[in-house]
Each structure stands twice: as structure tokens, then as C-alpha cells.
Protein backbone atom coordinates (compact mmCIF):
# COMPACT_ATOMS: atom_id res chain seq x y z
CA UNK A 1 57.10 -11.86 173.14
CA UNK A 2 54.70 -14.21 171.40
CA UNK A 3 54.01 -14.96 167.78
CA UNK A 4 50.67 -16.33 166.54
CA UNK A 5 50.56 -19.50 164.49
CA UNK A 6 50.34 -18.74 160.79
CA UNK A 7 46.77 -18.56 159.57
CA UNK A 8 47.81 -20.22 156.33
CA UNK A 9 48.14 -23.57 158.08
CA UNK A 10 44.83 -24.77 159.57
CA UNK A 11 46.61 -27.70 161.17
CA UNK A 12 48.98 -25.45 163.13
CA UNK A 13 49.10 -26.01 166.86
CA UNK A 14 49.77 -23.45 169.55
CA UNK A 15 53.15 -22.66 171.01
CA UNK A 16 56.70 -22.57 169.60
CA UNK A 17 56.04 -25.64 167.42
CA UNK A 18 53.61 -23.50 165.42
CA UNK A 19 56.11 -20.68 164.94
CA UNK A 20 57.35 -19.70 161.50
CA UNK A 21 60.90 -20.54 162.58
CA UNK A 22 60.27 -24.10 163.69
CA UNK A 23 58.02 -24.78 160.73
CA UNK A 24 60.62 -23.44 158.29
CA UNK A 25 63.29 -25.70 159.78
CA UNK A 26 61.15 -28.74 159.03
CA UNK A 27 60.22 -27.48 155.57
CA UNK A 28 56.95 -25.59 155.91
CA UNK A 29 56.78 -22.14 154.36
CA UNK A 30 54.41 -19.60 155.89
CA UNK A 31 53.62 -15.99 155.11
CA UNK A 32 56.29 -14.97 157.64
CA UNK A 33 59.96 -15.23 156.68
CA UNK A 34 61.67 -16.20 159.95
CA UNK A 35 64.93 -14.50 160.84
CA UNK A 36 67.46 -14.75 163.65
CA UNK A 37 71.19 -14.07 163.81
CA UNK A 38 74.02 -16.27 164.92
CA UNK A 39 75.77 -14.52 167.83
CA UNK A 40 72.78 -12.19 168.20
CA UNK A 41 73.03 -12.75 171.96
CA UNK A 42 76.07 -10.83 173.01
CA UNK A 43 78.85 -8.61 171.92
CA UNK A 44 77.17 -6.23 169.45
CA UNK A 45 74.68 -5.02 172.04
CA UNK A 46 75.58 -2.19 174.46
CA UNK A 47 73.24 -3.67 177.08
CA UNK A 48 75.21 -6.92 176.86
CA UNK A 49 78.56 -5.19 177.28
CA UNK A 50 77.22 -3.33 180.30
CA UNK A 51 75.87 -6.52 181.85
CA UNK A 52 79.14 -8.42 181.30
CA UNK A 53 81.38 -5.92 183.09
CA UNK A 54 83.47 -7.81 185.64
CA UNK A 55 82.17 -11.25 184.66
CA UNK A 56 84.22 -13.87 182.81
CA UNK A 57 82.63 -15.51 179.79
CA UNK A 58 82.19 -19.00 181.22
CA UNK A 59 80.90 -17.59 184.48
CA UNK A 60 78.28 -15.66 182.51
CA UNK A 61 77.28 -18.81 180.64
CA UNK A 62 76.79 -20.71 183.90
CA UNK A 63 74.97 -18.02 185.89
CA UNK A 64 71.29 -18.75 185.11
CA UNK A 65 69.75 -15.29 185.42
CA UNK A 66 72.66 -13.70 183.56
CA UNK A 67 72.67 -16.24 180.71
CA UNK A 68 68.89 -15.93 180.43
CA UNK A 69 68.97 -12.14 180.28
CA UNK A 70 71.68 -12.15 177.60
CA UNK A 71 69.65 -14.64 175.56
CA UNK A 72 66.56 -12.46 175.78
CA UNK A 73 68.15 -9.09 175.03
CA UNK A 74 68.26 -9.41 171.20
CA UNK A 75 64.74 -10.85 171.06
CA UNK A 76 63.42 -7.79 172.84
CA UNK A 77 65.54 -5.35 170.84
CA UNK A 78 65.29 -6.78 167.32
CA UNK A 79 62.03 -8.74 167.27
CA UNK A 80 63.79 -11.80 165.87
CA UNK A 81 61.80 -15.01 165.44
CA UNK A 82 63.89 -17.07 167.86
CA UNK A 83 66.24 -16.80 170.77
CA UNK A 84 69.56 -18.60 170.56
CA UNK A 85 70.72 -19.83 173.94
CA UNK A 86 73.67 -17.82 175.18
CA UNK A 87 76.52 -20.25 175.70
CA UNK A 88 79.90 -21.25 174.33
CA UNK A 89 80.94 -24.43 172.59
CA UNK A 90 83.34 -25.30 175.44
CA UNK A 91 80.72 -25.05 178.19
CA UNK A 92 79.89 -28.80 178.10
CA UNK A 93 83.62 -29.55 178.41
CA UNK A 94 83.78 -27.25 181.42
CA UNK A 95 80.79 -29.09 182.89
CA UNK A 96 82.60 -32.38 182.32
CA UNK A 97 85.50 -31.14 184.44
CA UNK A 98 87.93 -30.17 181.68
CA UNK A 99 90.26 -27.31 182.65
CA UNK A 100 89.41 -24.64 180.08
CA UNK A 101 89.14 -20.87 180.16
CA UNK A 102 88.20 -18.32 177.53
CA UNK A 103 90.91 -15.71 177.24
CA UNK A 104 89.64 -12.32 176.03
CA UNK A 105 90.88 -11.61 172.54
CA UNK A 106 92.08 -15.19 172.04
CA UNK A 107 89.35 -17.73 172.78
CA UNK A 108 89.25 -21.11 174.54
CA UNK A 109 92.54 -22.25 176.06
CA UNK A 110 93.02 -25.71 177.58
CA UNK A 111 95.47 -26.40 180.40
CA UNK A 112 96.14 -29.94 179.13
CA UNK A 113 95.94 -30.45 175.35
CA UNK A 114 94.82 -33.89 174.11
CA UNK A 115 97.50 -35.16 171.74
CA UNK A 116 98.34 -38.76 172.58
CA UNK A 117 96.48 -42.02 173.11
CA UNK A 118 97.09 -41.63 176.83
CA UNK A 119 95.58 -38.13 176.75
CA UNK A 120 92.52 -39.53 174.99
CA UNK A 121 92.26 -42.31 177.57
CA UNK A 122 92.37 -39.74 180.36
CA UNK A 123 89.70 -37.54 178.84
CA UNK A 124 87.29 -40.21 177.66
CA UNK A 125 87.33 -41.83 181.11
CA UNK A 126 84.96 -38.98 182.05
CA UNK A 127 81.40 -40.15 181.56
CA UNK A 128 79.47 -37.91 179.14
CA UNK A 129 76.55 -38.18 181.56
CA UNK A 130 78.61 -35.94 183.86
CA UNK A 131 77.66 -33.05 181.58
CA UNK A 132 73.95 -33.48 182.22
CA UNK A 133 74.55 -34.01 185.93
CA UNK A 134 76.45 -30.72 186.20
CA UNK A 135 74.19 -28.71 183.91
CA UNK A 136 71.59 -27.52 186.42
CA UNK A 137 72.52 -23.85 185.75
CA UNK A 138 71.98 -24.40 182.02
CA UNK A 139 68.58 -26.01 182.53
CA UNK A 140 67.53 -23.24 184.89
CA UNK A 141 68.56 -20.56 182.40
CA UNK A 142 66.64 -22.26 179.59
CA UNK A 143 63.52 -22.46 181.74
CA UNK A 144 63.75 -18.75 182.56
CA UNK A 145 64.12 -17.90 178.87
CA UNK A 146 61.33 -20.10 177.56
CA UNK A 147 58.93 -18.79 180.18
CA UNK A 148 59.48 -15.23 178.98
CA UNK A 149 59.57 -16.12 175.28
CA UNK A 150 56.17 -17.77 175.31
CA UNK A 151 55.37 -18.84 171.75
CA UNK A 152 58.70 -17.60 170.38
CA UNK A 153 61.05 -20.59 170.11
CA UNK A 154 64.43 -20.99 171.76
CA UNK A 155 67.19 -22.67 169.76
CA UNK A 156 69.55 -24.86 171.75
CA UNK A 157 73.20 -24.84 170.84
CA UNK A 158 76.26 -27.09 170.87
CA UNK A 159 79.63 -27.30 169.19
CA UNK A 160 80.28 -30.08 166.69
CA UNK A 161 82.80 -32.83 167.51
CA UNK A 162 85.45 -31.65 165.07
CA UNK A 163 85.51 -28.07 166.30
CA UNK A 164 85.69 -29.21 169.91
CA UNK A 165 88.42 -31.72 169.05
CA UNK A 166 90.39 -29.09 167.15
CA UNK A 167 90.48 -26.85 170.21
CA UNK A 168 91.35 -29.74 172.51
CA UNK A 169 94.18 -31.12 170.37
CA UNK A 170 95.67 -27.73 169.56
CA UNK A 171 95.22 -26.53 173.15
CA UNK A 172 93.54 -23.38 171.89
CA UNK A 173 92.63 -21.52 168.70
CA UNK A 174 94.46 -22.43 165.51
CA UNK A 175 94.20 -21.31 161.90
CA UNK A 176 94.91 -24.63 160.19
CA UNK A 177 94.30 -27.26 162.91
CA UNK A 178 97.39 -29.15 161.83
CA UNK A 179 97.70 -31.28 164.97
CA UNK A 180 94.03 -32.30 164.86
CA UNK A 181 94.18 -33.17 161.18
CA UNK A 182 97.40 -35.11 161.74
CA UNK A 183 95.88 -37.16 164.58
CA UNK A 184 93.09 -38.38 162.29
CA UNK A 185 95.60 -40.17 160.10
CA UNK A 186 98.42 -40.91 162.54
CA UNK A 187 96.19 -42.48 165.19
CA UNK A 188 92.68 -42.97 163.79
CA UNK A 189 91.67 -45.22 166.68
CA UNK A 190 92.37 -42.50 169.23
CA UNK A 191 90.77 -39.90 166.97
CA UNK A 192 87.50 -41.82 166.70
CA UNK A 193 87.44 -42.43 170.44
CA UNK A 194 87.92 -38.72 171.08
CA UNK A 195 85.38 -37.59 168.47
CA UNK A 196 82.90 -40.23 169.62
CA UNK A 197 83.20 -39.04 173.20
CA UNK A 198 82.72 -35.42 172.11
CA UNK A 199 79.62 -36.42 170.16
CA UNK A 200 78.15 -37.89 173.33
CA UNK A 201 79.08 -34.77 175.28
CA UNK A 202 77.42 -32.48 172.73
CA UNK A 203 74.36 -34.74 172.62
CA UNK A 204 74.10 -34.58 176.41
CA UNK A 205 74.39 -30.80 176.39
CA UNK A 206 71.70 -30.48 173.74
CA UNK A 207 69.54 -32.90 175.68
CA UNK A 208 69.65 -30.69 178.77
CA UNK A 209 68.49 -27.69 176.74
CA UNK A 210 65.74 -29.66 175.02
CA UNK A 211 64.44 -31.12 178.28
CA UNK A 212 64.29 -27.61 179.73
CA UNK A 213 62.26 -26.26 176.80
CA UNK A 214 64.37 -25.58 173.68
CA UNK A 215 62.22 -26.05 170.56
CA UNK A 216 65.04 -26.63 168.06
CA UNK A 217 68.80 -27.09 168.13
CA UNK A 218 71.81 -26.07 166.08
CA UNK A 219 75.09 -27.96 165.86
CA UNK A 220 77.82 -25.46 165.02
CA UNK A 221 81.03 -26.53 163.28
CA UNK A 222 83.41 -23.58 163.14
CA UNK A 223 86.37 -25.42 161.62
CA UNK A 224 84.98 -28.18 159.38
CA UNK A 225 85.81 -26.07 156.33
CA UNK A 226 89.49 -26.84 156.86
CA UNK A 227 88.89 -30.51 155.99
CA UNK A 228 88.86 -32.32 152.67
CA UNK A 229 85.60 -34.02 151.81
CA UNK A 230 87.13 -37.48 152.27
CA UNK A 231 88.44 -36.59 155.73
CA UNK A 232 85.09 -35.08 156.68
CA UNK A 233 83.05 -38.09 155.62
CA UNK A 234 85.48 -40.57 157.20
CA UNK A 235 86.49 -38.88 160.43
CA UNK A 236 83.77 -36.34 161.24
CA UNK A 237 80.32 -36.88 159.74
CA UNK A 238 79.50 -40.08 161.70
CA UNK A 239 80.24 -38.29 164.96
CA UNK A 240 78.31 -35.14 164.08
CA UNK A 241 75.39 -37.38 163.15
CA UNK A 242 75.61 -39.03 166.55
CA UNK A 243 75.55 -35.65 168.28
CA UNK A 244 72.29 -34.69 166.55
CA UNK A 245 70.41 -37.89 165.87
CA UNK A 246 68.78 -38.30 169.28
CA UNK A 247 67.68 -34.69 169.65
CA UNK A 248 63.97 -35.25 169.01
CA UNK A 249 63.39 -31.63 167.95
CA UNK A 250 64.04 -29.88 164.61
CA UNK A 251 67.77 -29.76 163.86
CA UNK A 252 70.03 -27.25 162.11
CA UNK A 253 73.58 -28.12 161.09
CA UNK A 254 75.90 -25.24 160.26
CA UNK A 255 79.56 -25.08 159.30
CA UNK A 256 81.91 -22.32 158.22
CA UNK A 257 83.63 -22.65 154.85
CA UNK A 258 81.77 -25.88 154.12
CA UNK A 259 80.59 -25.23 150.57
CA UNK A 260 82.44 -28.34 149.41
CA UNK A 261 80.80 -30.37 152.18
CA UNK A 262 77.18 -29.26 151.84
CA UNK A 263 75.78 -32.59 150.69
CA UNK A 264 77.53 -34.31 153.60
CA UNK A 265 76.33 -31.69 156.10
CA UNK A 266 72.89 -33.24 155.78
CA UNK A 267 74.31 -36.12 157.84
CA UNK A 268 72.32 -38.70 155.96
CA UNK A 269 69.06 -36.85 156.46
CA UNK A 270 69.46 -36.15 160.18
CA UNK A 271 69.71 -32.39 159.60
CA UNK A 272 66.35 -30.76 158.85
CA UNK A 273 68.07 -27.52 157.84
CA UNK A 274 71.60 -26.91 156.59
CA UNK A 275 73.20 -23.56 157.30
CA UNK A 276 75.11 -22.02 154.40
CA UNK A 277 77.81 -19.41 154.91
CA UNK A 278 78.18 -16.31 152.74
CA UNK A 279 80.54 -17.94 150.23
CA UNK A 280 77.85 -19.98 148.45
CA UNK A 281 74.63 -18.54 147.00
CA UNK A 282 71.56 -20.26 148.43
CA UNK A 283 70.17 -21.32 145.06
CA UNK A 284 73.52 -22.90 144.23
CA UNK A 285 73.51 -24.63 147.60
CA UNK A 286 70.06 -26.03 146.88
CA UNK A 287 71.38 -27.55 143.67
CA UNK A 288 73.76 -29.58 145.85
CA UNK A 289 71.49 -30.19 148.82
CA UNK A 290 68.28 -30.99 146.99
CA UNK A 291 64.82 -29.62 147.61
CA UNK A 292 63.94 -31.91 150.53
CA UNK A 293 65.95 -29.94 153.11
CA UNK A 294 65.61 -26.35 154.32
CA UNK A 295 68.41 -23.80 154.19
CA UNK A 296 69.57 -21.17 156.65
CA UNK A 297 71.58 -18.07 155.85
CA UNK A 298 73.35 -16.36 154.36
CA UNK A 299 73.73 -12.59 154.61
CA UNK A 300 77.40 -11.61 154.41
CA UNK A 301 78.35 -10.28 157.87
CA UNK A 302 80.82 -7.86 156.27
CA UNK A 303 77.97 -6.05 154.53
CA UNK A 304 76.46 -5.05 157.86
CA UNK A 305 78.96 -2.18 157.73
CA UNK A 306 77.70 -0.99 154.32
CA UNK A 307 75.15 1.77 153.63
CA UNK A 308 71.57 0.65 154.18
CA UNK A 309 70.68 0.61 150.49
CA UNK A 310 73.50 -1.89 149.93
CA UNK A 311 72.38 -4.03 152.88
CA UNK A 312 68.76 -3.99 151.71
CA UNK A 313 69.64 -5.01 148.17
CA UNK A 314 71.81 -7.84 149.50
CA UNK A 315 69.12 -9.12 151.86
CA UNK A 316 66.55 -9.10 149.08
CA UNK A 317 68.92 -11.06 146.85
CA UNK A 318 69.54 -13.63 149.60
CA UNK A 319 65.80 -14.05 150.12
CA UNK A 320 65.20 -14.38 146.38
CA UNK A 321 67.85 -17.07 146.05
CA UNK A 322 66.44 -18.82 149.12
CA UNK A 323 63.13 -19.31 147.29
CA UNK A 324 64.77 -22.29 145.57
CA UNK A 325 64.69 -24.25 148.83
CA UNK A 326 61.68 -25.95 150.37
CA UNK A 327 61.91 -23.34 153.16
CA UNK A 328 64.36 -20.67 154.27
CA UNK A 329 65.47 -19.33 157.64
CA UNK A 330 67.06 -15.94 157.06
CA UNK A 331 70.31 -15.49 158.98
CA UNK A 332 73.86 -14.36 158.53
CA UNK A 333 76.44 -16.54 156.85
CA UNK A 334 78.29 -16.52 160.19
CA UNK A 335 78.01 -14.61 163.46
CA UNK A 336 77.27 -10.96 164.17
CA UNK A 337 80.57 -9.00 164.19
CA UNK A 338 81.09 -7.16 167.50
CA UNK A 339 81.31 -3.75 165.82
CA UNK A 340 77.86 -4.09 164.19
CA UNK A 341 75.38 -1.28 164.71
CA UNK A 342 72.38 -3.03 166.33
CA UNK A 343 70.02 -0.75 164.43
CA UNK A 344 71.04 -2.46 161.19
CA UNK A 345 70.01 -5.86 162.57
CA UNK A 346 66.65 -4.47 163.65
CA UNK A 347 66.08 -3.05 160.18
CA UNK A 348 66.94 -6.41 158.58
CA UNK A 349 64.34 -8.12 160.78
CA UNK A 350 61.74 -5.53 159.78
CA UNK A 351 62.64 -5.98 156.11
CA UNK A 352 62.42 -9.76 156.34
CA UNK A 353 58.98 -9.56 157.86
CA UNK A 354 57.91 -7.04 155.23
CA UNK A 355 59.09 -9.37 152.43
CA UNK A 356 57.37 -12.42 153.92
CA UNK A 357 57.97 -16.09 153.40
CA UNK A 358 55.59 -16.89 150.54
CA UNK A 359 55.70 -15.29 147.11
């Protein structure tokens, strides 16, 4: 599927760099309002569930033709303005040799949690370059995807250092991340070594996707919302900045529950676009962020279960509030819930393109 460069920009060049999505990330509005959905590649699609039968999550992520097909399915079905590479935030840790599995219904589980200085020493002895060296299946999948997408951009994906660290320290999913938050203060030296290593790992994983053809990247921080602003700026932001700063393509930074951290999510100007979850209206977010950064979001995923007239009114309100920003990438305020009717997502894409990106 290809998209023509917008006629409103005579300087536009061919290819994904000219797409409405990439241009919106860097602050250029066109007559097309770009839309994609976090977690669009996967669990809400019947074709995905059929394809995944008998295959474990991490195996699917590291089987090139399978990962490529899953990435492409929602682009074909919905007509979204970008693919998001099908992966998981723990894939680069798996590539680095960390013993991790994704347990259905629970999430990532680590055989050896990282809780002491000695544990950090053991883990950080692994060279982050090992990720790139082991990532041939990822690069191959990205090349398959970008060949089929043509002028439609592919967004590369990685987990942010805090979210990865939270899983590692807890040994698996946690609601409050108490052990991770305690380590920051009890042993800040070990914490910064761990988070710094994870930043390098995420940067390496993004670098593989970019080298293989990704046109933009998103750093995803699932758990940053559990932190105070002072903890975030002291213990997290420098490492998230390191993960993104060398990307060399347009960059999106998204966190869940991070309304109190929005100004800091810009990472000192490294992020071209800041994702906003459903808890904060986009115009209110712009008051905090300023008008020199784009926004992404922030349809409430819960409303995907509502009658269409409710969904439509909500989407129109989100778009109207997003006019306050220099540019807007329409998305959900988090990922697609697995029970979502795919038809609703398709209708949202059609509505977004009907509304357009310029008043």
C-alpha cells in the first residue's frame, strides 16, 4: 500500500519521508490526518489469532516471515498510515541472552531477577552490541515489511529503560514496581548502571530496525506513570534520552499515566512527538508541552466498545483538541484491547481521513 506525498507541500520528496505520518511527527501538518493504533498488529485481529496458533509470542517475534505478516495485517485491513513493527519490549533482552519468556495471561517472566549489585554486574557484562549481532531475524522481518509497504512508513519500536528495568527487577509484571523504585534510592549506582545498559540495548534494537528500513521510532514506557516527577527526572529521563538520541529518524516518546511528566517526556527536545494517554486532553497537554512539539493520541481505548455515534463524537473531540498542537498523529491513548471489533478501528481510520489534517 502506498500513499502519495501531500500536494500541499511542493518540497515533499518521494517515499515514506513524504508521508503524512512522518511529516506530522516532525511538525508538518498536511491535508491528511495520519492515524495508526498502538497494538494494532496483533490480538484484536482474527487473522492474527489464526496465524499464532501453536506459536509462542517470542518465537513469533523472531520468525521473520511471521513477524512481517503480523505487522502488515492491520495495514491491509484498516488502511492505517503506518505499520508498527510487531515485537515485544523484552525481545532485545532475549537477543542479549537473558532468560525470559512471555507467559500467556501474565506477561514477561524472568528466570533470574536483577535485584543486587552482583546481579547488575552479571547482566551488564553482556555487551549491548550482542543485541544487534543476534538481531538478523528482526532485520529480515523489517526488510520484508518495508518492501511491501512501499511509501507507507514503518515505525520501529522499543521499550524504555524504566519499563524494562521494572520487569527485570520484579522478575515479572507488577502493579506498583516497589522493588524497582526501591533500588533507585537504596543503590543508585547499581540502578544507573542497569538503566544505562538498558538504554544501550534499546538503542541497539532501534538501530537494527532503522538500518533495515524503519522510517520513525517509538520508545514505549508502560510504567513511568508510577514515578514521581523528581524520580523520573533523576533516575529515568537521562537514560530514555540516551535510548532515543542516536536514532537519526523522527522519534515518538510515549508513556502511560504520564500526565504529570509530559514536559519531561520531551527529553530535552529529543522527542519530536510526545504521546499522550487518554487521561489528559490534548489541548491541555499542549499547554504543558508547548507548540514546538507534535502530539500523538489519545482516543480512550475503553470507548471502542461504545456505540458508533459515541465513538465518532469522541474521535472528533480528540481531533479538535489536537488542533492546538503544531501537528497531531491520531492514535489511541494506549493499546488496542484484545476484545475490540476490528470494524470499529477501520471506521475510525476512515473518519480521520474524512476529517483531514488541516482546518
